[in-house]
Amino acid sequence: MNDEARDKRIHVRVTFPITKKGPYEGEVAPETTVGTVLVEAIHHFEVQNDSQFTYVLAHDGKEAADDLTIGSVAGDAHEIKFTLVKKITQG
């Protein structure tokens, strides 16, 4: 990766309030999707979707769609913070 591509990377931080584990942090390209970061965060926090619960990322209190890019959510910012949210699956 060249220096220019590295400079454009966005620092991502995901917190999960109901765990004692520290936040997930990483550096991603702006074209990385929210869904990709969600998969990494789920792995980091050692949780998984099941028939009762699903996990989503929220930014500024709103659920972020998996197909959004990190760059589109972050805008001009060089870092972005998400919260991993455990949702009850409607049955």
Protein backbone atom coordinates (compact mmCIF):
# COMPACT_ATOMS: atom_id res chain seq x y z
CA MET A 1 0.00 0.00 0.00
CA ASN A 2 1.42 3.39 -0.93
CA ASP A 3 1.51 6.39 1.40
CA GLU A 4 -1.39 8.11 -0.35
CA ALA A 5 -3.69 5.10 0.11
CA ARG A 6 -2.60 4.82 3.75
CA ASP A 7 -3.34 8.54 4.33
CA LYS A 8 -6.91 8.08 3.08
CA ARG A 9 -7.65 5.22 5.49
CA ILE A 10 -10.26 5.91 8.15
CA HIS A 11 -9.82 4.93 11.79
CA VAL A 12 -12.85 2.91 12.91
CA ARG A 13 -13.76 2.34 16.55
CA VAL A 14 -16.64 0.10 17.62
CA THR A 15 -17.80 -0.06 21.22
CA PHE A 16 -20.16 -2.63 22.69
CA PRO A 17 -21.60 -1.40 26.01
CA ILE A 18 -22.64 -4.82 27.34
CA THR A 19 -19.17 -6.34 27.31
CA LYS A 20 -16.06 -5.95 29.43
CA LYS A 21 -13.90 -6.36 26.32
CA GLY A 22 -12.24 -3.25 24.94
CA PRO A 23 -13.40 -1.62 21.70
CA TYR A 24 -12.69 -2.96 18.24
CA GLU A 25 -10.39 -0.60 16.36
CA GLY A 26 -9.03 -0.71 12.86
CA GLU A 27 -7.90 1.31 9.86
CA VAL A 28 -10.01 0.79 6.75
CA ALA A 29 -10.21 2.13 3.22
CA PRO A 30 -13.09 4.57 2.60
CA GLU A 31 -14.76 2.09 0.21
CA THR A 32 -14.99 -0.58 2.96
CA THR A 33 -18.63 -1.30 3.77
CA VAL A 34 -20.30 -0.99 7.15
CA GLY A 35 -21.14 -4.70 6.81
CA THR A 36 -17.44 -5.59 6.59
CA VAL A 37 -16.71 -3.65 9.79
CA LEU A 38 -19.73 -5.28 11.44
CA VAL A 39 -18.33 -8.76 10.69
CA GLU A 40 -14.97 -7.77 12.20
CA ALA A 41 -16.63 -6.28 15.29
CA ILE A 42 -18.81 -9.36 15.83
CA HIS A 43 -15.70 -11.52 15.63
CA HIS A 44 -13.80 -9.22 18.03
CA PHE A 45 -16.60 -9.24 20.61
CA GLU A 46 -17.14 -13.00 20.19
CA VAL A 47 -20.89 -12.75 19.58
CA GLN A 48 -23.04 -14.09 16.76
CA ASN A 49 -26.45 -13.59 15.25
CA ASP A 50 -28.98 -16.26 16.16
CA SER A 51 -32.73 -16.84 16.03
CA GLN A 52 -33.35 -14.41 18.92
CA PHE A 53 -30.84 -11.61 18.33
CA THR A 54 -29.04 -9.85 15.51
CA TYR A 55 -26.25 -7.30 15.72
CA VAL A 56 -26.03 -4.01 13.86
CA LEU A 57 -23.76 -1.00 13.90
CA ALA A 58 -25.17 2.35 14.95
CA HIS A 59 -23.60 5.73 14.19
CA ASP A 60 -24.90 8.88 15.91
CA GLY A 61 -27.77 6.85 17.34
CA LYS A 62 -29.01 5.56 13.98
CA GLU A 63 -28.58 2.11 12.49
CA ALA A 64 -26.06 2.16 9.63
CA ALA A 65 -27.00 0.03 6.61
CA ASP A 66 -24.53 -2.76 5.81
CA ASP A 67 -24.10 -1.60 2.21
CA LEU A 68 -23.01 1.96 3.08
CA THR A 69 -19.31 2.70 2.72
CA ILE A 70 -17.31 3.89 5.69
CA GLY A 71 -16.27 6.91 3.61
CA SER A 72 -19.88 7.94 2.99
CA VAL A 73 -20.72 7.68 6.70
CA ALA A 74 -17.52 9.42 7.87
CA GLY A 75 -17.68 12.26 5.33
CA ASP A 76 -14.53 14.37 5.70
CA ALA A 77 -13.61 12.84 9.06
CA HIS A 78 -10.53 10.64 9.41
CA GLU A 79 -12.13 8.58 12.15
CA ILE A 80 -15.57 7.24 12.90
CA LYS A 81 -17.20 5.69 15.94
CA PHE A 82 -19.89 3.04 15.92
CA THR A 83 -21.75 1.19 18.65
CA LEU A 84 -22.53 -2.50 18.26
CA VAL A 85 -26.23 -2.90 19.05
CA LYS A 86 -27.94 -6.16 19.98
CA LYS A 87 -31.42 -6.23 18.45
CA ILE A 88 -34.19 -8.64 19.33
CA THR A 89 -35.34 -10.55 16.24
CA GLN A 90 -39.07 -10.26 15.72
CA GLY A 91 -40.60 -13.73 15.54
